[in-house]
Amino acid sequence: MSEIRKIGAEGRVAPVTEFPQQTSAPPVSAALLPPPAAKKPRGRFTRPLLLFGVPLLVVLFSCYAYLHAGRYVDTNNAYVKADKAIIAAEVTGKIVEVAVKENDHVDSGQLLFRLDDTPYKFALDRAEAALAQTSQDIAATKLQYRQALAEIELAQNNVAYARVTYDRQVGLVERKIGSISDLDDAKHALDTAQKQQELASQRAAKILVDLNGNADVAVEAHPRYQQAKSDRDQAALDLERTKVVAPFSGIASKKPEIGTYVERGSPVMSLVSDGDMWIEANFKETDLTYLRPNQSVEVRVDTYPGFEWRGTVQSVSEATGSEFALLPAQNATGNWVKVVQRVAVRITLPHGADDPPLRSGMSATVTVDTGHTRGIRDLLPG
């Protein structure tokens, strides 16, 4: 290998290496070489496939998806609901006993808390005494009426005797036998007897009014007795209401403390049912086209992602949620933007003994099988 120096444009000398020449390979016979491969025409099927095949597949897939869509409607705007009750005191008093703890399970009729019942016991004793006194008063009134009837009969006899005496004196005076003074005395006695008869009749009528127009009325049927009995029953009811019990089975919460003074009707604690639960799903109005009661529903609660409940559509609300708003939108003002409203749908939720426990307010996702399927005619316009 020899080295040759060249002078560049700038006058510098650059070494150039010269490699020795290689000898060429021996020639190969043409008979031994493989025949050249034929060239394949490109783009003959690819372009028509891209231009017509792919769009056709897209159209077919879209038609298939459209025909098989619309049967199921779902929403994740759904929540577990249960009966809830605000337990309020029906009488006024101080809490002297609390029989439950926070989040305890209680049965229907179980004691929750008790108020001081001493004033109500006294009120019941007074009402019972008043009832007994009223019964005696009615019985005495009936006796007074019978006495008044006897007085009327006596007055009638006195009137008859006074009239006979007066008539006799009139005859004696006419025959010039009797005196005028004796006639005046007889006339006075007759008038007095008649007045006494009138007073006796009025007294008997007044007593009969006190007996409600029926002298033989039973004591229990008299209005005064019924009023006194109602007062006694009210006092007994108030005494019973000092014991506040659970109206249904559920979980007790926000329990009160002993010594708290509560007023009649004031809320004291809460009770949430743990038995009969349902799902309140808020569907868009555009999803209600084929949704009907008694349709099958799949329910998945977010707390238990691997578990599924099978429910049934129970009812559909007659109004959207906005209709129950305190200040509903006034669309007639002209300042209007169309917003898809939601309608509440109530879904029954059977709960088995082995199902996970549910809590009111849990979020859920529901899917309703409407059973509606689209046909080829739905693809046609109009």
Protein backbone atom coordinates (compact mmCIF):
# COMPACT_ATOMS: atom_id res chain seq x y z
CA MET A 1 0.00 0.00 0.00
CA SER A 2 1.49 3.29 -1.07
CA GLU A 3 0.72 6.75 0.27
CA ILE A 4 0.05 9.64 -2.11
CA ARG A 5 -0.14 13.23 -0.96
CA LYS A 6 -2.48 15.72 -2.61
CA ILE A 7 -2.48 19.45 -2.28
CA GLY A 8 -5.87 20.94 -1.54
CA ALA A 9 -7.26 24.36 -2.47
CA GLU A 10 -5.86 25.91 0.72
CA GLY A 11 -2.41 24.63 0.00
CA ARG A 12 -2.52 21.91 2.62
CA VAL A 13 -1.26 18.47 1.83
CA ALA A 14 -3.64 15.60 2.62
CA PRO A 15 -2.44 12.05 2.63
CA VAL A 16 -4.29 9.69 0.41
CA THR A 17 -4.04 5.98 0.99
CA GLU A 18 -4.08 3.79 -2.01
CA PHE A 19 -5.35 0.26 -1.48
CA PRO A 20 -4.15 -2.60 -3.60
CA GLN A 21 -6.51 -3.78 -6.31
CA GLN A 22 -8.52 -6.96 -5.51
CA THR A 23 -8.75 -9.71 -7.99
CA SER A 24 -12.26 -10.33 -9.42
CA ALA A 25 -14.23 -13.53 -8.71
CA PRO A 26 -14.22 -16.21 -11.32
CA PRO A 27 -17.11 -16.01 -13.77
CA VAL A 28 -20.22 -18.10 -13.02
CA SER A 29 -22.10 -19.94 -15.70
CA ALA A 30 -25.56 -18.48 -16.55
CA ALA A 31 -27.08 -21.92 -16.52
CA LEU A 32 -26.35 -22.24 -12.85
CA LEU A 33 -28.15 -18.97 -11.87
CA PRO A 34 -31.87 -19.15 -10.67
CA PRO A 35 -34.46 -17.58 -12.97
CA PRO A 36 -35.42 -13.98 -12.00
CA ALA A 37 -38.69 -13.69 -9.95
CA ALA A 38 -41.67 -12.15 -11.69
CA LYS A 39 -42.67 -8.75 -10.35
CA LYS A 40 -46.13 -8.63 -8.61
CA PRO A 41 -48.41 -5.77 -9.58
CA ARG A 42 -48.92 -3.47 -6.58
CA GLY A 43 -52.21 -1.72 -5.65
CA ARG A 44 -54.45 -3.92 -7.76
CA PHE A 45 -56.65 -5.15 -4.80
CA THR A 46 -55.48 -2.93 -1.95
CA ARG A 47 -56.97 0.29 -3.22
CA PRO A 48 -60.49 -1.11 -3.97
CA LEU A 49 -60.45 -2.83 -0.59
CA LEU A 50 -59.66 0.43 1.17
CA LEU A 51 -62.13 2.44 -0.90
CA PHE A 52 -65.12 0.09 -0.70
CA GLY A 53 -64.52 -2.73 1.75
CA VAL A 54 -63.65 -0.71 4.86
CA PRO A 55 -66.59 1.74 4.52
CA LEU A 56 -68.92 -1.21 3.88
CA LEU A 57 -67.71 -2.90 7.05
CA VAL A 58 -68.23 0.33 9.01
CA VAL A 59 -71.78 0.67 7.68
CA LEU A 60 -72.60 -2.96 8.46
CA PHE A 61 -71.19 -2.67 11.96
CA SER A 62 -73.09 0.57 12.56
CA CYS A 63 -76.35 -1.01 11.40
CA TYR A 64 -75.76 -4.02 13.62
CA ALA A 65 -75.00 -1.81 16.62
CA TYR A 66 -78.08 0.33 15.95
CA LEU A 67 -80.41 -2.63 15.58
CA HIS A 68 -79.17 -4.24 18.79
CA ALA A 69 -79.04 -0.99 20.77
CA GLY A 70 -81.99 0.64 22.55
CA ARG A 71 -83.13 -2.45 24.43
CA TYR A 72 -81.19 -1.63 27.58
CA VAL A 73 -81.18 1.74 29.33
CA ASP A 74 -78.94 2.44 32.26
CA THR A 75 -77.92 5.19 34.61
CA ASN A 76 -75.53 5.64 37.50
CA ASN A 77 -77.68 8.37 39.00
CA ALA A 78 -79.32 5.85 41.33
CA TYR A 79 -79.32 5.46 45.09
CA VAL A 80 -80.49 2.98 47.71
CA LYS A 81 -83.53 4.24 49.61
CA ALA A 82 -85.29 3.08 52.77
CA ASP A 83 -88.13 4.20 54.99
CA LYS A 84 -86.98 6.87 57.43
CA ALA A 85 -88.83 8.29 60.41
CA ILE A 86 -88.11 11.26 62.64
CA ILE A 87 -89.13 10.13 66.11
CA ALA A 88 -90.81 13.02 67.94
CA ALA A 89 -92.25 13.27 71.42
CA GLU A 90 -96.04 13.42 71.50
CA VAL A 91 -96.08 14.86 75.03
CA THR A 92 -93.90 17.34 76.87
CA GLY A 93 -91.48 16.15 79.49
CA LYS A 94 -87.95 15.29 80.56
CA ILE A 95 -86.21 12.17 79.26
CA VAL A 96 -85.51 9.84 82.15
CA GLU A 97 -84.51 6.69 80.24
CA VAL A 98 -82.88 5.88 76.89
CA ALA A 99 -83.26 2.20 76.00
CA VAL A 100 -81.12 2.05 72.82
CA LYS A 101 -77.61 2.86 71.72
CA GLU A 102 -76.39 4.58 68.58
CA ASN A 103 -76.83 2.37 65.46
CA ASP A 104 -78.63 -0.33 67.44
CA HIS A 105 -81.10 -2.56 65.62
CA VAL A 106 -84.58 -2.24 67.11
CA ASP A 107 -87.75 -4.20 66.47
CA SER A 108 -91.18 -2.75 65.91
CA GLY A 109 -92.73 -1.78 69.25
CA GLN A 110 -89.41 -1.79 71.12
CA LEU A 111 -88.91 0.99 73.69
CA LEU A 112 -86.65 3.81 72.48
CA PHE A 113 -86.82 6.29 75.36
CA ARG A 114 -89.15 7.26 78.22
CA LEU A 115 -90.28 10.61 79.60
CA ASP A 116 -91.06 11.50 83.19
CA ASP A 117 -94.62 10.23 83.70
CA THR A 118 -95.36 11.63 87.19
CA PRO A 119 -97.45 14.63 86.02
CA TYR A 120 -99.42 12.40 83.66
CA LYS A 121 -100.21 9.90 86.41
CA PHE A 122 -101.67 12.74 88.47
CA ALA A 123 -103.69 13.93 85.48
CA LEU A 124 -105.04 10.42 84.96
CA ASP A 125 -106.10 10.16 88.61
CA ARG A 126 -107.96 13.49 88.35
CA ALA A 127 -109.67 12.40 85.13
CA GLU A 128 -110.79 9.10 86.64
CA ALA A 129 -112.17 10.89 89.70
CA ALA A 130 -114.03 13.34 87.48
CA LEU A 131 -115.49 10.43 85.51
CA ALA A 132 -116.76 8.76 88.68
CA GLN A 133 -118.21 12.04 89.93
CA THR A 134 -119.98 12.59 86.62
CA SER A 135 -121.52 9.14 86.80
CA GLN A 136 -122.85 9.90 90.27
CA ASP A 137 -124.18 13.28 89.19
CA ILE A 138 -126.12 11.73 86.33
CA ALA A 139 -127.60 9.11 88.62
CA ALA A 140 -128.59 11.86 91.10
CA THR A 141 -130.19 13.86 88.29
CA LYS A 142 -132.33 10.90 87.36
CA LEU A 143 -133.49 10.68 90.97
CA GLN A 144 -134.25 14.39 90.98
CA TYR A 145 -136.40 13.96 87.91
CA ARG A 146 -138.45 11.25 89.59
CA GLN A 147 -138.81 13.52 92.64
CA ALA A 148 -139.94 16.36 90.37
CA LEU A 149 -142.61 14.10 88.89
CA ALA A 150 -143.83 13.30 92.39
CA GLU A 151 -143.94 17.01 93.21
CA ILE A 152 -146.03 17.62 90.09
CA GLU A 153 -148.47 14.95 91.16
CA LEU A 154 -148.68 16.49 94.65
CA ALA A 155 -149.23 19.93 93.16
CA GLN A 156 -152.02 18.59 90.97
CA ASN A 157 -153.75 17.14 94.05
CA ASN A 158 -153.40 20.46 95.88
CA VAL A 159 -154.89 22.30 92.91
CA ALA A 160 -157.84 19.92 92.80
CA TYR A 161 -158.49 20.31 96.54
CA ALA A 162 -158.15 24.10 96.36
CA ARG A 163 -160.55 24.23 93.45
CA VAL A 164 -163.17 22.21 95.35
CA THR A 165 -162.77 24.49 98.37
CA TYR A 166 -163.07 27.58 96.22
CA ASP A 167 -166.20 26.28 94.46
CA ARG A 168 -167.78 25.50 97.85
CA GLN A 169 -167.09 29.01 99.12
CA VAL A 170 -168.55 30.49 95.97
CA GLY A 171 -171.78 28.52 96.54
CA LEU A 172 -171.96 29.59 100.18
CA VAL A 173 -171.51 33.23 99.26
CA GLU A 174 -174.20 32.97 96.60
CA ARG A 175 -176.62 31.54 99.23
CA LYS A 176 -175.64 34.30 101.67
CA ILE A 177 -174.24 31.74 104.03
CA GLY A 178 -170.45 32.13 103.61
CA SER A 179 -168.28 35.16 104.11
CA ILE A 180 -166.35 37.10 101.53
CA SER A 181 -163.10 36.65 103.46
CA ASP A 182 -163.42 32.87 103.34
CA LEU A 183 -163.96 33.13 99.58
CA ASP A 184 -160.83 35.24 99.23
CA ASP A 185 -158.80 32.72 101.24
CA ALA A 186 -160.03 29.90 99.03
CA LYS A 187 -159.17 31.87 95.88
CA HIS A 188 -155.66 32.54 97.20
CA ALA A 189 -155.12 28.88 98.05
CA LEU A 190 -156.23 27.86 94.53
CA ASP A 191 -153.88 30.34 92.88
CA THR A 192 -150.99 29.23 95.08
CA ALA A 193 -151.58 25.57 94.26
CA GLN A 194 -151.67 26.32 90.54
CA LYS A 195 -148.39 28.26 90.73
CA GLN A 196 -146.76 25.42 92.66
CA GLN A 197 -147.91 22.99 89.98
CA GLU A 198 -146.43 25.22 87.27
CA LEU A 199 -143.10 25.52 89.10
CA ALA A 200 -142.93 21.76 89.62
CA SER A 201 -143.55 21.19 85.92
CA GLN A 202 -140.80 23.66 84.95
CA ARG A 203 -138.35 22.05 87.36
CA ALA A 204 -139.08 18.62 85.94
CA ALA A 205 -138.63 19.94 82.39
CA LYS A 206 -135.24 21.40 83.31
CA ILE A 207 -134.10 18.13 84.84
CA LEU A 208 -135.28 16.29 81.75
CA VAL A 209 -133.12 18.59 79.62
CA ASP A 210 -130.15 17.74 81.84
CA LEU A 211 -130.89 14.10 81.08
CA ASN A 212 -130.62 14.82 77.33
CA GLY A 213 -134.40 14.55 76.91
CA ASN A 214 -134.54 10.94 78.03
CA ALA A 215 -135.25 10.17 81.65
CA ASP A 216 -134.30 6.51 81.16
CA VAL A 217 -130.97 7.26 79.45
CA ALA A 218 -128.07 5.00 80.45
CA VAL A 219 -125.29 6.69 82.39
CA GLU A 220 -122.70 5.64 79.77
CA ALA A 221 -124.77 7.22 76.98
CA HIS A 222 -125.07 10.62 78.65
CA PRO A 223 -123.00 13.39 76.96
CA ARG A 224 -121.46 14.55 80.22
CA TYR A 225 -120.30 11.04 80.99
CA GLN A 226 -118.86 10.64 77.47
CA GLN A 227 -116.99 13.94 77.85
CA ALA A 228 -115.54 12.88 81.18
CA LYS A 229 -114.64 9.48 79.73
CA SER A 230 -112.90 11.18 76.79
CA ASP A 231 -110.87 13.29 79.23
CA ARG A 232 -109.94 10.13 81.14
CA ASP A 233 -108.92 8.35 77.93
CA GLN A 234 -106.83 11.35 76.83
CA ALA A 235 -105.04 11.38 80.16
CA ALA A 236 -104.38 7.65 79.86
CA LEU A 237 -103.10 8.16 76.30
CA ASP A 238 -100.76 10.94 77.39
CA LEU A 239 -99.42 8.67 80.12
CA GLU A 240 -98.86 5.91 77.56
CA ARG A 241 -97.10 8.33 75.22
CA THR A 242 -94.40 8.96 77.79
CA LYS A 243 -93.00 5.66 76.49
CA VAL A 244 -91.79 6.19 72.92
CA VAL A 245 -91.48 2.96 70.91
CA ALA A 246 -90.20 2.16 67.41
CA PRO A 247 -92.90 2.32 64.71
CA PHE A 248 -91.04 -0.25 62.58
CA SER A 249 -87.88 -2.33 62.62
CA GLY A 250 -84.68 -0.51 61.74
CA ILE A 251 -81.51 1.17 62.91
CA ALA A 252 -81.69 3.84 65.63
CA SER A 253 -79.55 6.94 65.20
CA LYS A 254 -79.03 10.32 66.83
CA LYS A 255 -80.19 9.01 70.18
CA PRO A 256 -81.04 11.59 72.86
CA GLU A 257 -79.42 12.02 76.24
CA ILE A 258 -81.01 11.50 79.65
CA GLY A 259 -82.19 14.74 81.20
CA THR A 260 -83.07 16.44 77.92
CA TYR A 261 -86.36 18.34 78.09
CA VAL A 262 -88.43 17.92 74.96
CA GLU A 263 -91.58 19.67 73.79
CA ARG A 264 -94.60 18.05 72.22
CA GLY A 265 -93.90 17.43 68.52
CA SER A 266 -90.19 18.24 68.69
CA PRO A 267 -87.85 15.77 66.87
CA VAL A 268 -85.75 13.65 69.21
CA MET A 269 -84.07 10.88 67.16
CA SER A 270 -84.15 9.08 63.81
CA LEU A 271 -85.02 5.56 62.70
CA VAL A 272 -83.99 4.07 59.34
CA SER A 273 -85.55 0.85 58.11
CA ASP A 274 -83.12 -1.98 57.32
CA GLY A 275 -85.65 -4.30 55.74
CA ASP A 276 -87.74 -2.97 52.90
CA MET A 277 -85.32 -1.10 50.63
CA TRP A 278 -85.62 0.09 47.07
CA ILE A 279 -83.64 1.92 44.39
CA GLU A 280 -84.48 5.42 43.24
CA ALA A 281 -83.01 5.78 39.74
CA ASN A 282 -83.10 9.14 37.98
CA PHE A 283 -83.30 8.47 34.25
CA LYS A 284 -83.09 11.07 31.54
CA GLU A 285 -86.45 11.72 29.94
CA THR A 286 -85.02 10.49 26.62
CA ASP A 287 -84.49 7.03 28.20
CA LEU A 288 -88.13 6.56 29.19
CA THR A 289 -89.50 5.86 25.72
CA TYR A 290 -89.88 2.12 26.26
CA LEU A 291 -89.44 1.92 30.05
CA ARG A 292 -92.49 0.40 31.76
CA PRO A 293 -93.36 -1.05 35.21
CA ASN A 294 -92.58 -4.73 35.89
CA GLN A 295 -89.51 -4.71 33.62
CA SER A 296 -86.41 -6.56 34.80
CA VAL A 297 -83.52 -4.51 36.24
CA GLU A 298 -79.89 -5.31 37.01
CA VAL A 299 -78.61 -3.41 40.04
CA ARG A 300 -74.97 -2.98 41.01
CA VAL A 301 -74.09 -1.10 44.18
CA ASP A 302 -70.78 0.72 44.14
CA THR A 303 -69.87 -0.67 47.56
CA TYR A 304 -70.06 -4.27 46.24
CA PRO A 305 -68.69 -4.18 42.68
CA GLY A 306 -68.73 -7.95 42.29
CA PHE A 307 -72.33 -8.46 43.39
CA GLU A 308 -75.51 -8.00 41.37
CA TRP A 309 -79.14 -7.72 42.42
CA ARG A 310 -82.13 -8.49 40.23
CA GLY A 311 -84.90 -5.93 40.69
CA THR A 312 -88.12 -4.87 39.00
CA VAL A 313 -89.41 -1.50 37.89
CA GLN A 314 -92.19 -0.66 40.34
CA SER A 315 -93.34 2.78 39.20
CA VAL A 316 -92.34 5.89 37.27
CA SER A 317 -92.81 9.34 38.76
CA GLU A 318 -95.46 11.56 37.22
CA ALA A 319 -93.17 14.61 37.26
CA THR A 320 -89.53 15.46 36.70
CA GLY A 321 -87.33 16.51 39.55
CA SER A 322 -87.46 20.16 38.54
CA GLU A 323 -91.22 20.20 39.12
CA PHE A 324 -90.62 19.63 42.82
CA ALA A 325 -88.06 22.40 43.11
CA LEU A 326 -88.78 25.27 45.48
CA LEU A 327 -88.20 27.75 42.65
CA PRO A 328 -88.92 25.95 39.37
CA ALA A 329 -87.60 27.38 36.11
CA GLN A 330 -89.93 29.89 34.42
CA ASN A 331 -89.57 28.83 30.80
CA ALA A 332 -92.32 31.21 29.67
CA THR A 333 -90.08 34.23 30.27
CA GLY A 334 -88.22 33.62 27.00
CA ASN A 335 -84.86 33.21 28.75
CA TRP A 336 -84.96 29.51 28.03
CA VAL A 337 -82.37 26.83 27.38
CA LYS A 338 -83.53 23.27 26.78
CA VAL A 339 -82.09 20.89 29.34
CA VAL A 340 -82.85 17.17 29.39
CA GLN A 341 -84.74 16.57 32.64
CA ARG A 342 -84.59 13.50 34.82
CA VAL A 343 -87.51 11.43 36.06
CA ALA A 344 -87.40 9.31 39.22
CA VAL A 345 -88.04 5.59 38.74
CA ARG A 346 -88.67 3.36 41.76
CA ILE A 347 -87.14 -0.12 41.56
CA THR A 348 -87.91 -2.93 43.97
CA LEU A 349 -84.84 -4.57 45.43
CA PRO A 350 -85.32 -8.07 46.88
CA HIS A 351 -82.80 -8.69 49.64
CA GLY A 352 -81.87 -12.23 50.59
CA ALA A 353 -80.41 -13.43 53.86
CA ASP A 354 -76.98 -13.99 52.28
CA ASP A 355 -76.89 -10.67 50.39
CA PRO A 356 -74.44 -7.99 51.51
CA PRO A 357 -75.90 -5.38 53.87
CA LEU A 358 -77.19 -2.20 52.27
CA ARG A 359 -77.35 1.32 53.66
CA SER A 360 -79.70 4.05 52.64
CA GLY A 361 -78.01 6.54 50.34
CA MET A 362 -75.52 4.13 48.73
CA SER A 363 -74.78 4.83 45.06
CA ALA A 364 -75.79 2.27 42.46
CA THR A 365 -75.84 1.61 38.72
CA VAL A 366 -78.99 0.18 37.20
CA THR A 367 -79.68 -1.36 33.80
CA VAL A 368 -83.29 -1.86 32.69
CA ASP A 369 -84.20 -4.46 30.07
CA THR A 370 -87.02 -2.74 28.18
CA GLY A 371 -87.43 -5.71 25.79
CA HIS A 372 -87.60 -3.32 22.82
CA THR A 373 -85.71 -4.30 19.66
CA ARG A 374 -85.29 -2.18 16.54
CA GLY A 375 -86.14 -3.44 13.08
CA ILE A 376 -85.01 -2.74 9.54
CA ARG A 377 -87.81 -0.21 9.16
CA ASP A 378 -86.20 1.88 11.90
CA LEU A 379 -83.22 2.36 9.61
CA LEU A 380 -85.38 4.02 6.97
CA PRO A 381 -85.93 7.76 7.23
CA GLY A 382 -89.39 8.80 8.38
